[in-house]
Each structure stands twice: as structure tokens, then as C-alpha cells.
């Protein structure tokens, strides 16, 4: 039987490998997307490749694709995942709103807010009307 400390150490190592695997998959999905290698492997889409060829869930495949694509536009997103400051799950939640211009703000929110708090912030940002010039009457 394992001691509590040994069990904890095994859990920490497994978590480290899990986070590294997620980071690796985001990078691989970026390359597959850019090269369209999934098509040469007989798949109609990157999503189909993730689900059918890799056996990932639809939700995980979608998350990897969204984060991979947004990371090309906002490299700081991938850097946050690589350094362990952000999980793919949290990164996925901000892909619909983060831009190069506001990346610092969204990355800070993703690092510090709870899942529910972050989802609320994203919802509010999406529902917030864009600034428009006042009409003259």
C-alpha cells in the first residue's frame, strides 16, 4: 500500500504529464490545421481527425482546435498554457473574446477567476454593445 505522500507525488506527476500532453496537443493541432495534414490522412476536417483518429471526445477536440487557432492570433495564450499559468480548459473559455489588444486583461481574468466568474465575464463582454457614434438628429 502506498503512503499518502507517495500517492500525492504520483498524482502531481500525473497532473504534470496531463498538462504537458494538453500543451503538446494544442501545438500539434496548430500544425495539423496549418498543413491540412488531417485531409492527407483521410479526414474531412480537423474535428473529425481529433474524434475519429485520436479518439478524443468532441468537447476536447473542439477545445484544442479553438485554442490552437486563437493562439496563432494571440500567441500569449499559448505561452500561458506552456508556462502552466493557464489550462486548456480556461483558455478555451476566453477564445471568443480575447484579442491582442486586451490579452493581458483576459489572461489575468482566466488565471484568477473561478470557472463561473470567468464565464460571467465572457458573457458580459459578448452581450456588451459595441461603441457606436451617437446619431445626430
N, C-alpha and C. Protein backbone atom coordinates (compact mmCIF):
# COMPACT_ATOMS: atom_id res chain seq x y z
N UNK A 1 0.84 -1.18 0.00
CA UNK A 1 0.00 0.00 0.00
C UNK A 1 0.89 1.25 0.00
N UNK A 2 0.46 2.23 -0.77
CA UNK A 2 1.24 3.46 -0.88
C UNK A 2 0.94 4.39 0.29
N UNK A 3 1.98 5.10 0.68
CA UNK A 3 1.77 6.12 1.71
C UNK A 3 1.03 7.30 1.08
N UNK A 4 0.47 8.12 1.92
CA UNK A 4 -0.24 9.31 1.44
C UNK A 4 0.70 10.19 0.62
N UNK A 5 1.93 10.35 1.06
CA UNK A 5 2.90 11.19 0.35
C UNK A 5 3.23 10.60 -1.02
N UNK A 6 3.41 9.27 -1.10
CA UNK A 6 3.68 8.63 -2.39
C UNK A 6 2.51 8.81 -3.34
N UNK A 7 1.32 8.66 -2.82
CA UNK A 7 0.11 8.85 -3.63
C UNK A 7 0.04 10.27 -4.14
N UNK A 8 0.33 11.22 -3.28
CA UNK A 8 0.33 12.63 -3.65
C UNK A 8 1.38 12.90 -4.74
N UNK A 9 2.56 12.35 -4.59
CA UNK A 9 3.62 12.55 -5.58
C UNK A 9 3.24 11.95 -6.92
N UNK A 10 2.61 10.79 -6.91
CA UNK A 10 2.14 10.17 -8.15
C UNK A 10 1.08 11.05 -8.82
N UNK A 11 0.18 11.61 -8.00
CA UNK A 11 -0.87 12.49 -8.53
C UNK A 11 -0.26 13.74 -9.14
N UNK A 12 0.72 14.32 -8.47
CA UNK A 12 1.38 15.51 -9.00
C UNK A 12 2.06 15.21 -10.34
N UNK A 13 2.73 14.09 -10.43
CA UNK A 13 3.41 13.71 -11.67
C UNK A 13 2.40 13.47 -12.79
N UNK A 14 1.30 12.80 -12.48
CA UNK A 14 0.26 12.55 -13.48
C UNK A 14 -0.34 13.87 -13.97
N UNK A 15 -0.57 14.80 -13.06
CA UNK A 15 -1.12 16.11 -13.43
C UNK A 15 -0.14 16.86 -14.32
N UNK A 16 1.15 16.79 -14.01
CA UNK A 16 2.17 17.44 -14.83
C UNK A 16 2.17 16.87 -16.24
N UNK A 17 2.11 15.54 -16.35
CA UNK A 17 2.08 14.88 -17.67
C UNK A 17 0.81 15.25 -18.43
N UNK A 18 -0.31 15.33 -17.73
CA UNK A 18 -1.58 15.69 -18.36
C UNK A 18 -1.51 17.09 -18.96
N UNK A 19 -1.01 18.04 -18.18
CA UNK A 19 -0.89 19.42 -18.67
C UNK A 19 0.08 19.50 -19.85
N UNK A 20 1.16 18.74 -19.80
CA UNK A 20 2.12 18.73 -20.89
C UNK A 20 1.48 18.13 -22.14
N UNK A 21 0.71 17.06 -21.97
CA UNK A 21 0.05 16.43 -23.11
C UNK A 21 -0.96 17.39 -23.75
N UNK A 22 -1.69 18.14 -22.92
CA UNK A 22 -2.63 19.12 -23.46
C UNK A 22 -1.89 20.19 -24.27
N UNK A 23 -0.80 20.67 -23.74
CA UNK A 23 0.02 21.67 -24.42
C UNK A 23 0.53 21.12 -25.75
N UNK A 24 1.02 19.88 -25.72
CA UNK A 24 1.51 19.24 -26.93
C UNK A 24 0.40 19.10 -27.97
N UNK A 25 -0.78 18.73 -27.53
CA UNK A 25 -1.90 18.56 -28.47
C UNK A 25 -2.31 19.88 -29.10
N UNK A 26 -2.30 20.96 -28.35
CA UNK A 26 -2.61 22.27 -28.94
C UNK A 26 -1.61 22.59 -30.04
N UNK A 27 -0.33 22.38 -29.76
CA UNK A 27 0.72 22.64 -30.75
C UNK A 27 0.55 21.76 -31.98
N UNK A 28 0.26 20.49 -31.77
CA UNK A 28 0.07 19.56 -32.88
C UNK A 28 -1.16 19.94 -33.70
N UNK A 29 -2.24 20.32 -33.03
CA UNK A 29 -3.45 20.75 -33.75
C UNK A 29 -3.17 22.00 -34.58
N UNK A 30 -2.33 22.90 -34.09
CA UNK A 30 -1.95 24.08 -34.88
C UNK A 30 -1.28 23.65 -36.18
N UNK A 31 -0.34 22.74 -36.06
CA UNK A 31 0.40 22.27 -37.24
C UNK A 31 -0.50 21.51 -38.20
N UNK A 32 -1.35 20.64 -37.65
CA UNK A 32 -2.30 19.89 -38.50
C UNK A 32 -3.23 20.85 -39.24
N UNK A 33 -3.67 21.89 -38.56
CA UNK A 33 -4.58 22.87 -39.15
C UNK A 33 -3.88 23.65 -40.25
N UNK A 34 -2.66 24.09 -39.99
CA UNK A 34 -1.91 24.88 -40.97
C UNK A 34 -1.55 24.08 -42.21
N UNK A 35 -1.18 22.83 -42.02
CA UNK A 35 -0.73 22.00 -43.15
C UNK A 35 -1.86 21.20 -43.79
N UNK A 36 -3.01 21.17 -43.13
CA UNK A 36 -4.16 20.36 -43.57
C UNK A 36 -3.78 18.88 -43.68
N UNK A 37 -2.85 18.46 -42.84
CA UNK A 37 -2.38 17.07 -42.83
C UNK A 37 -3.50 16.09 -42.53
N UNK A 38 -4.51 16.53 -41.79
CA UNK A 38 -5.64 15.65 -41.47
C UNK A 38 -6.32 15.16 -42.75
N UNK A 39 -6.37 16.00 -43.78
CA UNK A 39 -7.00 15.62 -45.06
C UNK A 39 -6.17 14.53 -45.76
N UNK A 40 -4.86 14.65 -45.68
CA UNK A 40 -4.00 13.64 -46.29
C UNK A 40 -4.05 12.32 -45.53
N UNK A 41 -4.58 12.39 -44.31
CA UNK A 41 -4.76 11.17 -43.52
C UNK A 41 -6.18 10.61 -43.68
N UNK A 42 -6.93 11.21 -44.62
CA UNK A 42 -8.25 10.69 -44.94
C UNK A 42 -9.41 11.26 -44.15
N UNK A 43 -9.21 12.42 -43.52
CA UNK A 43 -10.28 13.02 -42.71
C UNK A 43 -10.76 14.32 -43.34
N UNK A 44 -12.06 14.52 -43.30
CA UNK A 44 -12.66 15.70 -43.93
C UNK A 44 -12.38 16.98 -43.15
N UNK A 45 -12.11 16.86 -41.87
CA UNK A 45 -11.87 18.05 -41.05
C UNK A 45 -10.93 17.72 -39.90
N UNK A 46 -10.40 18.77 -39.32
CA UNK A 46 -9.55 18.61 -38.15
C UNK A 46 -10.37 18.04 -36.99
N UNK A 47 -11.62 18.46 -36.90
CA UNK A 47 -12.52 17.95 -35.85
C UNK A 47 -12.71 16.44 -36.00
N UNK A 48 -12.99 16.01 -37.22
CA UNK A 48 -13.17 14.57 -37.47
C UNK A 48 -11.90 13.80 -37.13
N UNK A 49 -10.76 14.36 -37.48
CA UNK A 49 -9.48 13.72 -37.17
C UNK A 49 -9.32 13.54 -35.65
N UNK A 50 -9.61 14.59 -34.90
CA UNK A 50 -9.47 14.53 -33.45
C UNK A 50 -10.36 13.48 -32.82
N UNK A 51 -11.60 13.42 -33.30
CA UNK A 51 -12.56 12.49 -32.72
C UNK A 51 -12.31 11.06 -33.19
N UNK A 52 -12.19 10.90 -34.51
CA UNK A 52 -12.08 9.53 -35.05
C UNK A 52 -10.68 8.94 -34.99
N UNK A 53 -9.68 9.71 -35.39
CA UNK A 53 -8.32 9.16 -35.43
C UNK A 53 -7.66 9.14 -34.06
N UNK A 54 -7.92 10.19 -33.27
CA UNK A 54 -7.26 10.27 -31.96
C UNK A 54 -8.12 9.74 -30.82
N UNK A 55 -9.41 9.57 -31.08
CA UNK A 55 -10.30 9.05 -30.05
C UNK A 55 -10.59 10.04 -28.93
N UNK A 56 -10.43 11.33 -29.23
CA UNK A 56 -10.73 12.36 -28.24
C UNK A 56 -12.23 12.62 -28.22
N UNK A 57 -12.73 13.12 -27.12
CA UNK A 57 -14.15 13.48 -27.07
C UNK A 57 -14.38 14.68 -27.98
N UNK A 58 -15.62 14.88 -28.36
CA UNK A 58 -15.96 16.03 -29.20
C UNK A 58 -15.62 17.32 -28.47
N UNK A 59 -15.92 17.39 -27.17
CA UNK A 59 -15.65 18.60 -26.39
C UNK A 59 -14.15 18.90 -26.33
N UNK A 60 -13.33 17.88 -26.08
CA UNK A 60 -11.89 18.09 -26.02
C UNK A 60 -11.33 18.48 -27.38
N UNK A 61 -11.80 17.82 -28.43
CA UNK A 61 -11.33 18.14 -29.78
C UNK A 61 -11.66 19.59 -30.11
N UNK A 62 -12.88 20.00 -29.83
CA UNK A 62 -13.29 21.38 -30.09
C UNK A 62 -12.42 22.36 -29.31
N UNK A 63 -12.15 22.06 -28.06
CA UNK A 63 -11.32 22.94 -27.24
C UNK A 63 -9.91 23.06 -27.82
N UNK A 64 -9.30 21.95 -28.20
CA UNK A 64 -7.95 22.00 -28.77
C UNK A 64 -7.93 22.81 -30.06
N UNK A 65 -8.93 22.65 -30.90
CA UNK A 65 -8.99 23.40 -32.15
C UNK A 65 -9.15 24.88 -31.88
N UNK A 66 -10.09 25.24 -31.01
CA UNK A 66 -10.34 26.66 -30.71
C UNK A 66 -9.09 27.32 -30.12
N UNK A 67 -8.46 26.66 -29.17
CA UNK A 67 -7.28 27.24 -28.53
C UNK A 67 -6.11 27.30 -29.52
N UNK A 68 -5.94 26.27 -30.34
CA UNK A 68 -4.86 26.28 -31.33
C UNK A 68 -5.03 27.44 -32.31
N UNK A 69 -6.24 27.64 -32.80
CA UNK A 69 -6.48 28.72 -33.76
C UNK A 69 -6.34 30.09 -33.12
N UNK A 70 -6.88 30.28 -31.94
CA UNK A 70 -6.78 31.58 -31.28
C UNK A 70 -5.34 31.88 -30.88
N UNK A 71 -4.56 30.85 -30.56
CA UNK A 71 -3.16 31.04 -30.17
C UNK A 71 -2.30 31.56 -31.32
N UNK A 72 -2.70 31.27 -32.54
CA UNK A 72 -1.97 31.85 -33.69
C UNK A 72 -2.20 33.36 -33.73
N UNK A 73 -3.41 33.78 -33.41
CA UNK A 73 -3.77 35.20 -33.41
C UNK A 73 -3.24 35.91 -32.17
N UNK A 74 -3.27 35.21 -31.03
CA UNK A 74 -2.84 35.77 -29.75
C UNK A 74 -1.81 34.80 -29.13
N UNK A 75 -0.54 34.92 -29.54
CA UNK A 75 0.48 33.98 -29.05
C UNK A 75 0.62 33.92 -27.54
N UNK A 76 0.27 34.98 -26.83
CA UNK A 76 0.37 34.97 -25.37
C UNK A 76 -0.54 33.91 -24.75
N UNK A 77 -1.59 33.54 -25.45
CA UNK A 77 -2.48 32.48 -24.96
C UNK A 77 -1.73 31.16 -24.86
N UNK A 78 -0.99 30.82 -25.91
CA UNK A 78 -0.21 29.58 -25.91
C UNK A 78 0.92 29.66 -24.89
N UNK A 79 1.53 30.82 -24.76
CA UNK A 79 2.60 30.99 -23.78
C UNK A 79 2.09 30.74 -22.37
N UNK A 80 0.87 31.19 -22.09
CA UNK A 80 0.29 30.98 -20.76
C UNK A 80 0.05 29.50 -20.49
N UNK A 81 -0.33 28.76 -21.52
CA UNK A 81 -0.52 27.31 -21.38
C UNK A 81 0.83 26.63 -21.19
N UNK A 82 1.81 27.02 -21.99
CA UNK A 82 3.14 26.41 -21.91
C UNK A 82 3.80 26.61 -20.55
N UNK A 83 3.57 27.75 -19.94
CA UNK A 83 4.20 28.03 -18.64
C UNK A 83 3.39 27.45 -17.47
N UNK A 84 2.21 26.94 -17.78
CA UNK A 84 1.37 26.38 -16.72
C UNK A 84 0.50 27.42 -16.04
N UNK A 85 0.53 28.65 -16.54
CA UNK A 85 -0.29 29.71 -15.94
C UNK A 85 -1.77 29.52 -16.26
N UNK A 86 -2.05 28.76 -17.31
CA UNK A 86 -3.43 28.57 -17.77
C UNK A 86 -3.61 27.16 -18.26
N UNK A 87 -4.77 26.59 -18.00
CA UNK A 87 -5.10 25.28 -18.55
C UNK A 87 -5.79 25.47 -19.90
N UNK A 88 -5.85 24.42 -20.68
CA UNK A 88 -6.56 24.48 -21.96
C UNK A 88 -8.04 24.77 -21.72
N UNK A 89 -8.58 24.22 -20.66
CA UNK A 89 -9.98 24.45 -20.33
C UNK A 89 -10.27 25.93 -20.11
N UNK A 90 -9.44 26.58 -19.33
CA UNK A 90 -9.63 28.02 -19.08
C UNK A 90 -9.34 28.82 -20.36
N UNK A 91 -8.33 28.42 -21.11
CA UNK A 91 -8.01 29.12 -22.36
C UNK A 91 -9.18 29.06 -23.32
N UNK A 92 -9.82 27.91 -23.40
CA UNK A 92 -10.97 27.73 -24.29
C UNK A 92 -12.08 28.71 -23.96
N UNK A 93 -12.28 28.96 -22.69
CA UNK A 93 -13.37 29.85 -22.25
C UNK A 93 -13.20 31.28 -22.74
N UNK A 94 -11.97 31.71 -23.00
CA UNK A 94 -11.76 33.10 -23.43
C UNK A 94 -11.47 33.25 -24.93
N UNK A 95 -11.48 32.14 -25.68
CA UNK A 95 -11.16 32.25 -27.11
C UNK A 95 -12.14 33.13 -27.88
N UNK A 96 -13.37 33.24 -27.42
CA UNK A 96 -14.35 34.04 -28.15
C UNK A 96 -14.19 35.54 -27.92
N UNK A 97 -13.40 35.93 -26.92
CA UNK A 97 -13.30 37.35 -26.59
C UNK A 97 -11.89 37.93 -26.60
N UNK A 98 -10.88 37.12 -26.40
CA UNK A 98 -9.51 37.64 -26.28
C UNK A 98 -8.99 38.13 -27.64
N UNK A 99 -8.29 39.27 -27.59
CA UNK A 99 -7.62 39.81 -28.77
C UNK A 99 -6.21 40.23 -28.35
N UNK A 100 -5.39 40.57 -29.31
CA UNK A 100 -4.04 41.07 -28.96
C UNK A 100 -4.13 42.32 -28.09
N UNK A 101 -5.13 43.15 -28.38
CA UNK A 101 -5.28 44.41 -27.66
C UNK A 101 -5.66 44.23 -26.19
N UNK A 102 -6.46 43.22 -25.88
CA UNK A 102 -6.91 43.05 -24.49
C UNK A 102 -6.41 41.75 -23.86
N UNK A 103 -5.38 41.17 -24.44
CA UNK A 103 -4.90 39.87 -23.97
C UNK A 103 -4.47 39.88 -22.51
N UNK A 104 -3.81 40.94 -22.07
CA UNK A 104 -3.34 40.98 -20.67
C UNK A 104 -4.52 40.87 -19.71
N UNK A 105 -5.58 41.62 -20.00
CA UNK A 105 -6.77 41.63 -19.14
C UNK A 105 -7.43 40.25 -19.11
N UNK A 106 -7.64 39.65 -20.28
CA UNK A 106 -8.31 38.35 -20.32
C UNK A 106 -7.46 37.23 -19.74
N UNK A 107 -6.17 37.29 -19.95
CA UNK A 107 -5.30 36.26 -19.35
C UNK A 107 -5.29 36.37 -17.83
N UNK A 108 -5.30 37.59 -17.32
CA UNK A 108 -5.35 37.78 -15.87
C UNK A 108 -6.67 37.25 -15.31
N UNK A 109 -7.76 37.54 -16.00
CA UNK A 109 -9.07 37.04 -15.55
C UNK A 109 -9.09 35.51 -15.56
N UNK A 110 -8.56 34.93 -16.63
CA UNK A 110 -8.56 33.47 -16.74
C UNK A 110 -7.72 32.82 -15.65
N UNK A 111 -6.64 33.49 -15.25
CA UNK A 111 -5.77 32.95 -14.19
C UNK A 111 -6.40 33.07 -12.81
N UNK A 112 -7.19 34.11 -12.58
CA UNK A 112 -7.63 34.40 -11.22
C UNK A 112 -9.10 34.09 -10.92
N UNK A 113 -9.96 34.15 -11.92
CA UNK A 113 -11.38 33.93 -11.67
C UNK A 113 -11.74 32.45 -11.64
N UNK A 114 -12.80 32.15 -10.94
CA UNK A 114 -13.35 30.79 -10.97
C UNK A 114 -13.96 30.54 -12.35
N UNK A 115 -14.29 29.30 -12.63
CA UNK A 115 -14.94 28.96 -13.90
C UNK A 115 -16.20 29.79 -14.09
N UNK A 116 -17.04 29.83 -13.06
CA UNK A 116 -18.30 30.58 -13.15
C UNK A 116 -18.04 32.08 -13.32
N UNK A 117 -17.07 32.60 -12.60
CA UNK A 117 -16.74 34.02 -12.70
C UNK A 117 -16.23 34.38 -14.08
N UNK A 118 -15.39 33.52 -14.64
CA UNK A 118 -14.85 33.76 -15.97
C UNK A 118 -15.95 33.68 -17.02
N UNK A 119 -16.81 32.68 -16.91
CA UNK A 119 -17.92 32.55 -17.86
C UNK A 119 -18.82 33.77 -17.81
N UNK A 120 -19.04 34.32 -16.61
CA UNK A 120 -19.86 35.52 -16.45
C UNK A 120 -19.20 36.71 -17.16
N UNK A 121 -17.91 36.88 -16.97
CA UNK A 121 -17.18 37.98 -17.63
C UNK A 121 -17.24 37.86 -19.15
N UNK A 122 -17.07 36.64 -19.66
CA UNK A 122 -17.13 36.41 -21.11
C UNK A 122 -18.53 36.73 -21.63
N UNK A 123 -19.55 36.25 -20.92
CA UNK A 123 -20.94 36.52 -21.32
C UNK A 123 -21.21 38.02 -21.38
N UNK A 124 -20.77 38.73 -20.34
CA UNK A 124 -20.98 40.17 -20.28
C UNK A 124 -20.27 40.88 -21.44
N UNK A 125 -19.08 40.42 -21.76
CA UNK A 125 -18.33 41.03 -22.87
C UNK A 125 -19.02 40.78 -24.21
N UNK A 126 -19.54 39.58 -24.38
CA UNK A 126 -20.21 39.24 -25.63
C UNK A 126 -21.51 40.03 -25.77
N UNK A 127 -22.22 40.21 -24.67
CA UNK A 127 -23.51 40.90 -24.71
C UNK A 127 -23.37 42.42 -24.69
N UNK A 128 -22.19 42.90 -24.33
CA UNK A 128 -21.96 44.35 -24.26
C UNK A 128 -21.99 44.93 -25.67
N UNK A 129 -22.85 45.93 -25.89
CA UNK A 129 -22.91 46.52 -27.23
C UNK A 129 -21.60 47.22 -27.57
N UNK A 130 -21.24 47.14 -28.82
CA UNK A 130 -20.02 47.83 -29.25
C UNK A 130 -20.28 49.32 -29.25
N UNK A 131 -19.25 50.09 -29.04
CA UNK A 131 -19.45 51.53 -29.00
C UNK A 131 -19.75 52.05 -30.40
N UNK A 132 -20.77 52.82 -30.48
CA UNK A 132 -21.16 53.41 -31.76
C UNK A 132 -21.25 54.91 -31.57
N UNK A 133 -21.00 55.62 -32.63
CA UNK A 133 -21.10 57.06 -32.51
C UNK A 133 -22.55 57.47 -32.39
N UNK A 134 -22.77 58.48 -31.62
CA UNK A 134 -24.13 58.98 -31.40
C UNK A 134 -24.70 59.53 -32.69
N UNK A 135 -25.95 59.26 -32.88
CA UNK A 135 -26.60 59.78 -34.10
C UNK A 135 -27.01 61.22 -33.87
N UNK A 136 -26.82 62.00 -34.87
CA UNK A 136 -27.30 63.38 -34.76
C UNK A 136 -28.71 63.43 -35.31
N UNK A 137 -29.57 64.13 -34.59
CA UNK A 137 -30.97 64.20 -35.03
C UNK A 137 -31.33 65.58 -35.49
